[in-house]
Amino acid sequence: MCDQISDAILDELMKQDPMSRVACETCCTTGVVMVMGEITTKAYVDIPKIVRDTVREIGYTRGKYGFDADTCGVITTIDEQSSDIAMGVDKALEAKENKMSEDDIEAIGAGDQGMMFGMRLMNRRIYAVSGGDAHKLARRLTEVRKNGTLPYLRPDGKTQVTVEYDENGVPKRLDAVVLSTQHDPEVTQERIHEDIKKYVFDEVIPANMTDDETKFFINPTGRFVIGGPHGDSGLTGRKI
């Protein structure tokens, strides 16, 4: 949720001002979203509205879910980019040292360093099976919740797929599939297991990648009623 909020703010800023400089972090906990960072732009965006619209789209719209888009607190603490960092962006080092003309390099510099990665940069075979299936499961879980197929589901959820490879590094079979989903308190785990298998697993998981030894885990802790920011605090880019 934090990643989606920051992404939505960035998208709106870039839509209005493509030269915006945006370092926008979001954190959340029970009943509160905080947006912080440094932004330099000619655009105007209504950050609290973007926060609430994003939370609403995800599905946290009722107090009993532990988080409500319309009643949660939204704290915004945004500053302009540091002047020291801005110097590197306003004019590239090559332009400052007259090594290249500004027309050649368009006078664009880098004011900071960062490391970025993404699953799609992984080996294609690995992504196609492990990351691809995990993402498809998550998307399908959202789909059956939003379209009313499984109305007792709540917005929080997580997926994991473990793949076994042969000696040549080619995906051979799925060793384990894990899916946890938040749910209404009155629904039984037996019904959740049955429905998830029918409406999520059977729709997404390639049959030729599973066998009698493949392990399927659905809500392995046995209960997942408390979720989202009410269950865990969150932060953009956070990985445990």
C-alpha atoms as a PDB file:
ATOM      1  CA  MET A   1       0.000   0.000   0.000  1.00  0.00           C
ATOM      2  CA  CYS A   2       2.826   2.395   0.813  1.00  0.00           C
ATOM      3  CA  ASP A   3       4.476   1.716  -2.542  1.00  0.00           C
ATOM      4  CA  GLN A   4       1.209   2.331  -4.383  1.00  0.00           C
ATOM      5  CA  ILE A   5       0.621   5.639  -2.579  1.00  0.00           C
ATOM      6  CA  SER A   6       4.087   6.953  -3.420  1.00  0.00           C
ATOM      7  CA  ASP A   7       3.720   5.726  -7.017  1.00  0.00           C
ATOM      8  CA  ALA A   8       0.360   7.489  -7.377  1.00  0.00           C
ATOM      9  CA  ILE A   9       1.811  10.785  -6.112  1.00  0.00           C
ATOM     10  CA  LEU A  10       4.778  10.458  -8.480  1.00  0.00           C
ATOM     11  CA  ASP A  11       2.504   9.667 -11.434  1.00  0.00           C
ATOM     12  CA  GLU A  12       0.357  12.747 -10.858  1.00  0.00           C
ATOM     13  CA  LEU A  13       3.392  15.018 -10.459  1.00  0.00           C
ATOM     14  CA  MET A  14       5.025  13.700 -13.632  1.00  0.00           C
ATOM     15  CA  LYS A  15       1.755  14.051 -15.522  1.00  0.00           C
ATOM     16  CA  GLN A  16       1.627  17.761 -14.703  1.00  0.00           C
ATOM     17  CA  ASP A  17       5.358  18.497 -14.716  1.00  0.00           C
ATOM     18  CA  PRO A  18       7.657  15.933 -16.383  1.00  0.00           C
ATOM     19  CA  MET A  19      10.692  17.691 -14.881  1.00  0.00           C
ATOM     20  CA  SER A  20       9.498  17.111 -11.317  1.00  0.00           C
ATOM     21  CA  ARG A  21      12.077  15.773  -8.876  1.00  0.00           C
ATOM     22  CA  VAL A  22      10.386  13.421  -6.492  1.00  0.00           C
ATOM     23  CA  ALA A  23      11.668  11.561  -3.468  1.00  0.00           C
ATOM     24  CA  CYS A  24       8.406  10.526  -1.880  1.00  0.00           C
ATOM     25  CA  GLU A  25       8.272   7.991   0.936  1.00  0.00           C
ATOM     26  CA  THR A  26       5.147   6.678   2.623  1.00  0.00           C
ATOM     27  CA  CYS A  27       4.718   4.865   5.911  1.00  0.00           C
ATOM     28  CA  CYS A  28       1.565   3.672   7.583  1.00  0.00           C
ATOM     29  CA  THR A  29       0.312   2.119  10.779  1.00  0.00           C
ATOM     30  CA  THR A  30      -3.032   1.718  12.501  1.00  0.00           C
ATOM     31  CA  GLY A  31      -5.273   4.552  11.307  1.00  0.00           C
ATOM     32  CA  VAL A  32      -2.479   6.756   9.972  1.00  0.00           C
ATOM     33  CA  VAL A  33      -0.636   7.349   6.694  1.00  0.00           C
ATOM     34  CA  MET A  34       2.409   9.631   6.611  1.00  0.00           C
ATOM     35  CA  VAL A  35       3.831  10.956   3.349  1.00  0.00           C
ATOM     36  CA  MET A  36       7.292  12.478   3.598  1.00  0.00           C
ATOM     37  CA  GLY A  37      10.220  13.384   1.425  1.00  0.00           C
ATOM     38  CA  GLU A  38      11.571  16.040  -0.893  1.00  0.00           C
ATOM     39  CA  ILE A  39       9.751  17.261  -3.968  1.00  0.00           C
ATOM     40  CA  THR A  40      10.664  20.028  -6.397  1.00  0.00           C
ATOM     41  CA  THR A  41       7.960  20.655  -8.992  1.00  0.00           C
ATOM     42  CA  LYS A  42       5.804  23.213 -10.733  1.00  0.00           C
ATOM     43  CA  ALA A  43       2.794  20.951 -10.320  1.00  0.00           C
ATOM     44  CA  TYR A  44       0.157  20.968  -7.621  1.00  0.00           C
ATOM     45  CA  VAL A  45      -1.272  17.742  -6.309  1.00  0.00           C
ATOM     46  CA  ASP A  46      -3.717  17.115  -3.505  1.00  0.00           C
ATOM     47  CA  ILE A  47      -1.653  14.557  -1.592  1.00  0.00           C
ATOM     48  CA  PRO A  48      -4.315  13.641   1.019  1.00  0.00           C
ATOM     49  CA  LYS A  49      -6.830  13.002  -1.770  1.00  0.00           C
ATOM     50  CA  ILE A  50      -4.375  10.782  -3.655  1.00  0.00           C
ATOM     51  CA  VAL A  51      -3.677   8.865  -0.438  1.00  0.00           C
ATOM     52  CA  ARG A  52      -7.374   8.283   0.263  1.00  0.00           C
ATOM     53  CA  ASP A  53      -8.178   7.388  -3.361  1.00  0.00           C
ATOM     54  CA  THR A  54      -5.339   4.832  -3.403  1.00  0.00           C
ATOM     55  CA  VAL A  55      -6.337   3.271  -0.091  1.00  0.00           C
ATOM     56  CA  ARG A  56      -9.956   3.132  -1.283  1.00  0.00           C
ATOM     57  CA  GLU A  57      -8.975   1.435  -4.543  1.00  0.00           C
ATOM     58  CA  ILE A  58      -7.002  -1.198  -2.624  1.00  0.00           C
ATOM     59  CA  GLY A  59     -10.112  -1.923  -0.600  1.00  0.00           C
ATOM     60  CA  TYR A  60      -9.650  -0.535   2.909  1.00  0.00           C
ATOM     61  CA  THR A  61     -13.035   1.166   3.155  1.00  0.00           C
ATOM     62  CA  ARG A  62     -14.544  -0.094   6.392  1.00  0.00           C
ATOM     63  CA  GLY A  63     -13.615   0.425  10.016  1.00  0.00           C
ATOM     64  CA  LYS A  64     -13.983  -3.274  10.744  1.00  0.00           C
ATOM     65  CA  TYR A  65     -11.092  -3.939   8.347  1.00  0.00           C
ATOM     66  CA  GLY A  66      -8.934  -1.968  10.769  1.00  0.00           C
ATOM     67  CA  PHE A  67      -8.335   0.805   8.230  1.00  0.00           C
ATOM     68  CA  ASP A  68     -10.683   3.176   6.415  1.00  0.00           C
ATOM     69  CA  ALA A  69      -9.762   5.433   3.488  1.00  0.00           C
ATOM     70  CA  ASP A  70     -12.248   8.095   4.594  1.00  0.00           C
ATOM     71  CA  THR A  71     -11.371   8.267   8.280  1.00  0.00           C
ATOM     72  CA  CYS A  72      -7.652   7.443   8.496  1.00  0.00           C
ATOM     73  CA  GLY A  73      -5.304  10.267   9.416  1.00  0.00           C
ATOM     74  CA  VAL A  74      -3.076  11.598   6.628  1.00  0.00           C
ATOM     75  CA  ILE A  75       0.084  13.440   7.643  1.00  0.00           C
ATOM     76  CA  THR A  76       2.040  15.231   4.920  1.00  0.00           C
ATOM     77  CA  THR A  77       5.544  16.504   5.542  1.00  0.00           C
ATOM     78  CA  ILE A  78       7.152  17.427   2.228  1.00  0.00           C
ATOM     79  CA  ASP A  79      10.175  19.702   1.758  1.00  0.00           C
ATOM     80  CA  GLU A  80      11.973  20.943  -1.324  1.00  0.00           C
ATOM     81  CA  GLN A  81      15.051  19.089  -2.474  1.00  0.00           C
ATOM     82  CA  SER A  82      18.230  19.944  -0.614  1.00  0.00           C
ATOM     83  CA  SER A  83      20.156  22.730  -2.344  1.00  0.00           C
ATOM     84  CA  ASP A  84      23.324  20.625  -2.107  1.00  0.00           C
ATOM     85  CA  ILE A  85      21.689  17.728  -3.934  1.00  0.00           C
ATOM     86  CA  ALA A  86      19.929  20.061  -6.362  1.00  0.00           C
ATOM     87  CA  MET A  87      23.289  21.378  -7.597  1.00  0.00           C
ATOM     88  CA  GLY A  88      24.000  17.995  -9.155  1.00  0.00           C
ATOM     89  CA  VAL A  89      20.659  17.916 -10.921  1.00  0.00           C
ATOM     90  CA  ASP A  90      20.442  21.532 -12.063  1.00  0.00           C
ATOM     91  CA  LYS A  91      23.630  21.166 -14.072  1.00  0.00           C
ATOM     92  CA  ALA A  92      25.580  18.042 -14.884  1.00  0.00           C
ATOM     93  CA  LEU A  93      29.215  17.683 -13.776  1.00  0.00           C
ATOM     94  CA  GLU A  94      30.331  17.458 -17.407  1.00  0.00           C
ATOM     95  CA  ALA A  95      28.685  20.797 -18.153  1.00  0.00           C
ATOM     96  CA  LYS A  96      30.221  22.425 -15.077  1.00  0.00           C
ATOM     97  CA  GLU A  97      33.707  21.272 -16.089  1.00  0.00           C
ATOM     98  CA  ASN A  98      33.146  22.279 -19.725  1.00  0.00           C
ATOM     99  CA  LYS A  99      33.900  18.759 -20.929  1.00  0.00           C
ATOM    100  CA  MET A 100      30.734  18.655 -23.029  1.00  0.00           C
ATOM    101  CA  SER A 101      28.376  21.282 -24.274  1.00  0.00           C
ATOM    102  CA  GLU A 102      25.053  21.692 -22.573  1.00  0.00           C
ATOM    103  CA  ASP A 103      23.351  20.877 -25.855  1.00  0.00           C
ATOM    104  CA  ASP A 104      25.193  17.554 -25.989  1.00  0.00           C
ATOM    105  CA  ILE A 105      24.192  16.390 -22.551  1.00  0.00           C
ATOM    106  CA  GLU A 106      21.121  18.575 -22.108  1.00  0.00           C
ATOM    107  CA  ALA A 107      22.659  19.726 -18.819  1.00  0.00           C
ATOM    108  CA  ILE A 108      21.041  16.867 -16.908  1.00  0.00           C
ATOM    109  CA  GLY A 109      22.969  15.598 -13.903  1.00  0.00           C
ATOM    110  CA  ALA A 110      22.485  13.201 -11.044  1.00  0.00           C
ATOM    111  CA  GLY A 111      22.227  14.608  -7.545  1.00  0.00           C
ATOM    112  CA  ASP A 112      22.213  11.324  -5.729  1.00  0.00           C
ATOM    113  CA  GLN A 113      22.911   7.643  -6.144  1.00  0.00           C
ATOM    114  CA  GLY A 114      20.572   4.720  -5.801  1.00  0.00           C
ATOM    115  CA  MET A 115      20.289   1.024  -6.378  1.00  0.00           C
ATOM    116  CA  MET A 116      17.217  -0.290  -8.161  1.00  0.00           C
ATOM    117  CA  PHE A 117      16.152  -3.808  -8.983  1.00  0.00           C
ATOM    118  CA  GLY A 118      13.093  -5.555 -10.257  1.00  0.00           C
ATOM    119  CA  MET A 119      11.885  -9.080 -10.740  1.00  0.00           C
ATOM    120  CA  ARG A 120      11.634  -8.637 -14.491  1.00  0.00           C
ATOM    121  CA  LEU A 121      15.415  -8.221 -14.613  1.00  0.00           C
ATOM    122  CA  MET A 122      15.812 -11.734 -13.231  1.00  0.00           C
ATOM    123  CA  ASN A 123      16.516 -14.690 -15.477  1.00  0.00           C
ATOM    124  CA  ARG A 124      13.448 -14.918 -17.730  1.00  0.00           C
ATOM    125  CA  ARG A 125      12.835 -18.579 -16.951  1.00  0.00           C
ATOM    126  CA  ILE A 126      12.976 -17.905 -13.221  1.00  0.00           C
ATOM    127  CA  TYR A 127      10.614 -14.934 -13.453  1.00  0.00           C
ATOM    128  CA  ALA A 128       8.188 -16.730 -15.752  1.00  0.00           C
ATOM    129  CA  VAL A 129       7.664 -19.502 -13.230  1.00  0.00           C
ATOM    130  CA  SER A 130       8.353 -18.246  -9.718  1.00  0.00           C
ATOM    131  CA  GLY A 131       7.753 -14.494  -9.753  1.00  0.00           C
ATOM    132  CA  GLY A 132       5.229 -14.722 -12.566  1.00  0.00           C
ATOM    133  CA  ASP A 133       3.066 -17.279 -10.807  1.00  0.00           C
ATOM    134  CA  ALA A 134       3.296 -15.463  -7.475  1.00  0.00           C
ATOM    135  CA  HIS A 135       2.189 -12.208  -9.119  1.00  0.00           C
ATOM    136  CA  LYS A 136      -0.609 -13.950 -11.003  1.00  0.00           C
ATOM    137  CA  LEU A 137      -1.857 -15.501  -7.772  1.00  0.00           C
ATOM    138  CA  ALA A 138      -1.878 -12.099  -6.073  1.00  0.00           C
ATOM    139  CA  ARG A 139      -3.715 -10.488  -8.990  1.00  0.00           C
ATOM    140  CA  ARG A 140      -6.250 -13.309  -9.099  1.00  0.00           C
ATOM    141  CA  LEU A 141      -6.793 -13.020  -5.342  1.00  0.00           C
ATOM    142  CA  THR A 142      -7.599  -9.336  -5.779  1.00  0.00           C
ATOM    143  CA  GLU A 143      -9.862 -10.088  -8.728  1.00  0.00           C
ATOM    144  CA  VAL A 144     -12.060 -12.635  -6.939  1.00  0.00           C
ATOM    145  CA  ARG A 145     -12.357 -10.278  -3.961  1.00  0.00           C
ATOM    146  CA  LYS A 146     -13.338  -7.221  -5.992  1.00  0.00           C
ATOM    147  CA  ASN A 147     -15.704  -8.951  -8.412  1.00  0.00           C
ATOM    148  CA  GLY A 148     -17.636 -10.561  -5.569  1.00  0.00           C
ATOM    149  CA  THR A 149     -16.708 -14.176  -6.292  1.00  0.00           C
ATOM    150  CA  LEU A 150     -15.351 -14.468  -2.743  1.00  0.00           C
ATOM    151  CA  PRO A 151     -17.026 -11.583  -0.886  1.00  0.00           C
ATOM    152  CA  TYR A 152     -15.676 -12.605   2.519  1.00  0.00           C
ATOM    153  CA  LEU A 153     -12.082 -11.783   1.546  1.00  0.00           C
ATOM    154  CA  ARG A 154     -10.417  -8.638   2.866  1.00  0.00           C
ATOM    155  CA  PRO A 155      -7.677  -6.602   1.143  1.00  0.00           C
ATOM    156  CA  ASP A 156      -4.501  -8.001   2.723  1.00  0.00           C
ATOM    157  CA  GLY A 157      -2.841 -11.029   1.196  1.00  0.00           C
ATOM    158  CA  LYS A 158       0.496 -12.549   0.217  1.00  0.00           C
ATOM    159  CA  THR A 159       1.787 -15.253  -2.098  1.00  0.00           C
ATOM    160  CA  GLN A 160       4.961 -17.278  -2.534  1.00  0.00           C
ATOM    161  CA  VAL A 161       5.979 -19.928  -5.064  1.00  0.00           C
ATOM    162  CA  THR A 162       8.974 -22.251  -4.608  1.00  0.00           C
ATOM    163  CA  VAL A 163      10.370 -23.810  -7.779  1.00  0.00           C
ATOM    164  CA  GLU A 164      12.581 -26.850  -8.250  1.00  0.00           C
ATOM    165  CA  TYR A 165      15.055 -26.728 -11.151  1.00  0.00           C
ATOM    166  CA  ASP A 166      16.843 -29.461 -13.050  1.00  0.00           C
ATOM    167  CA  GLU A 167      20.624 -29.726 -13.462  1.00  0.00           C
ATOM    168  CA  ASN A 168      20.493 -27.273 -16.378  1.00  0.00           C
ATOM    169  CA  GLY A 169      18.704 -24.600 -14.400  1.00  0.00           C
ATOM    170  CA  VAL A 170      15.381 -25.177 -16.149  1.00  0.00           C
ATOM    171  CA  PRO A 171      12.240 -25.025 -13.961  1.00  0.00           C
ATOM    172  CA  LYS A 172      11.061 -28.598 -13.438  1.00  0.00           C
ATOM    173  CA  ARG A 173       8.208 -28.473 -10.944  1.00  0.00           C
ATOM    174  CA  LEU A 174       6.599 -26.379  -8.223  1.00  0.00           C
ATOM    175  CA  ASP A 175       7.722 -27.582  -4.836  1.00  0.00           C
ATOM    176  CA  ALA A 176       5.468 -25.366  -2.724  1.00  0.00           C
ATOM    177  CA  VAL A 177       2.775 -22.726  -3.165  1.00  0.00           C
ATOM    178  CA  VAL A 178       1.818 -20.463  -0.263  1.00  0.00           C
ATOM    179  CA  LEU A 179      -1.137 -18.085  -0.184  1.00  0.00           C
ATOM    180  CA  SER A 180      -2.403 -16.185   2.825  1.00  0.00           C
ATOM    181  CA  THR A 181      -5.478 -13.991   2.626  1.00  0.00           C
ATOM    182  CA  GLN A 182      -7.251 -11.748   5.074  1.00  0.00           C
ATOM    183  CA  HIS A 183     -10.874 -12.707   5.640  1.00  0.00           C
ATOM    184  CA  ASP A 184     -14.050 -12.003   7.587  1.00  0.00           C
ATOM    185  CA  PRO A 185     -13.992 -13.590  11.050  1.00  0.00           C
ATOM    186  CA  GLU A 186     -17.043 -15.792  10.563  1.00  0.00           C
ATOM    187  CA  VAL A 187     -15.824 -17.730   7.495  1.00  0.00           C
ATOM    188  CA  THR A 188     -14.312 -21.158   8.138  1.00  0.00           C
ATOM    189  CA  GLN A 189     -10.816 -22.105   7.065  1.00  0.00           C
ATOM    190  CA  GLU A 190     -12.288 -25.144   5.320  1.00  0.00           C
ATOM    191  CA  ARG A 191     -14.331 -22.907   3.036  1.00  0.00           C
ATOM    192  CA  ILE A 192     -11.353 -20.623   2.403  1.00  0.00           C
ATOM    193  CA  HIS A 193      -9.190 -23.630   1.433  1.00  0.00           C
ATOM    194  CA  GLU A 194     -11.846 -24.984  -0.909  1.00  0.00           C
ATOM    195  CA  ASP A 195     -12.557 -21.640  -2.564  1.00  0.00           C
ATOM    196  CA  ILE A 196      -8.935 -20.589  -2.981  1.00  0.00           C
ATOM    197  CA  LYS A 197      -8.083 -23.895  -4.621  1.00  0.00           C
ATOM    198  CA  LYS A 198     -11.045 -23.655  -7.008  1.00  0.00           C
ATOM    199  CA  TYR A 199     -11.068 -19.973  -7.866  1.00  0.00           C
ATOM    200  CA  VAL A 200      -7.389 -19.026  -7.531  1.00  0.00           C
ATOM    201  CA  PHE A 201      -4.997 -21.997  -7.705  1.00  0.00           C
ATOM    202  CA  ASP A 202      -6.844 -23.910 -10.419  1.00  0.00           C
ATOM    203  CA  GLU A 203      -7.155 -20.754 -12.518  1.00  0.00           C
ATOM    204  CA  VAL A 204      -3.500 -19.710 -12.293  1.00  0.00           C
ATOM    205  CA  ILE A 205      -1.100 -22.548 -11.535  1.00  0.00           C
ATOM    206  CA  PRO A 206       0.088 -24.539 -14.586  1.00  0.00           C
ATOM    207  CA  ALA A 207      -1.061 -28.128 -14.123  1.00  0.00           C
ATOM    208  CA  ASN A 208       2.070 -29.490 -15.774  1.00  0.00           C
ATOM    209  CA  MET A 209       4.241 -27.886 -13.074  1.00  0.00           C
ATOM    210  CA  THR A 210       2.622 -29.640 -10.107  1.00  0.00           C
ATOM    211  CA  ASP A 211       2.666 -33.259  -8.982  1.00  0.00           C
ATOM    212  CA  ASP A 212       1.639 -35.377  -5.999  1.00  0.00           C
ATOM    213  CA  GLU A 213       4.580 -34.009  -4.021  1.00  0.00           C
ATOM    214  CA  THR A 214       3.749 -30.318  -4.524  1.00  0.00           C
ATOM    215  CA  LYS A 215       2.791 -28.735  -1.218  1.00  0.00           C
ATOM    216  CA  PHE A 216      -0.051 -26.199  -1.027  1.00  0.00           C
ATOM    217  CA  PHE A 217      -0.389 -23.937   1.991  1.00  0.00           C
ATOM    218  CA  ILE A 218      -3.462 -21.707   2.411  1.00  0.00           C
ATOM    219  CA  ASN A 219      -3.550 -19.494   5.507  1.00  0.00           C
ATOM    220  CA  PRO A 220      -1.022 -21.765   7.244  1.00  0.00           C
ATOM    221  CA  THR A 221      -1.326 -19.874  10.540  1.00  0.00           C
ATOM    222  CA  GLY A 222      -5.022 -20.794  10.594  1.00  0.00           C
ATOM    223  CA  ARG A 223      -6.519 -17.303  10.884  1.00  0.00           C
ATOM    224  CA  PHE A 224      -5.958 -13.952   9.160  1.00  0.00           C
ATOM    225  CA  VAL A 225      -8.610 -11.450  10.254  1.00  0.00           C
ATOM    226  CA  ILE A 226      -6.352  -8.606  11.414  1.00  0.00           C
ATOM    227  CA  GLY A 227      -4.394  -7.295   8.433  1.00  0.00           C
ATOM    228  CA  GLY A 228      -3.133  -4.269   6.563  1.00  0.00           C
ATOM    229  CA  PRO A 229      -1.728  -1.331   8.546  1.00  0.00           C
ATOM    230  CA  HIS A 230      -3.746  -2.469  11.568  1.00  0.00           C
ATOM    231  CA  GLY A 231      -1.752  -5.695  11.670  1.00  0.00           C
ATOM    232  CA  ASP A 232       1.669  -4.465  10.524  1.00  0.00           C
ATOM    233  CA  SER A 233       3.240  -1.087  10.020  1.00  0.00           C
ATOM    234  CA  GLY A 234       4.451  -0.498   6.472  1.00  0.00           C
ATOM    235  CA  LEU A 235       7.046   1.538   4.594  1.00  0.00           C
ATOM    236  CA  THR A 236       7.865   2.051   0.923  1.00  0.00           C
ATOM    237  CA  GLY A 237      10.368  -0.495  -0.313  1.00  0.00           C
ATOM    238  CA  ARG A 238      10.383  -2.379   2.957  1.00  0.00           C
ATOM    239  CA  LYS A 239      11.589  -5.968   2.854  1.00  0.00           C
ATOM    240  CA  ILE A 240      11.898  -8.050   6.007  1.00  0.00           C
END
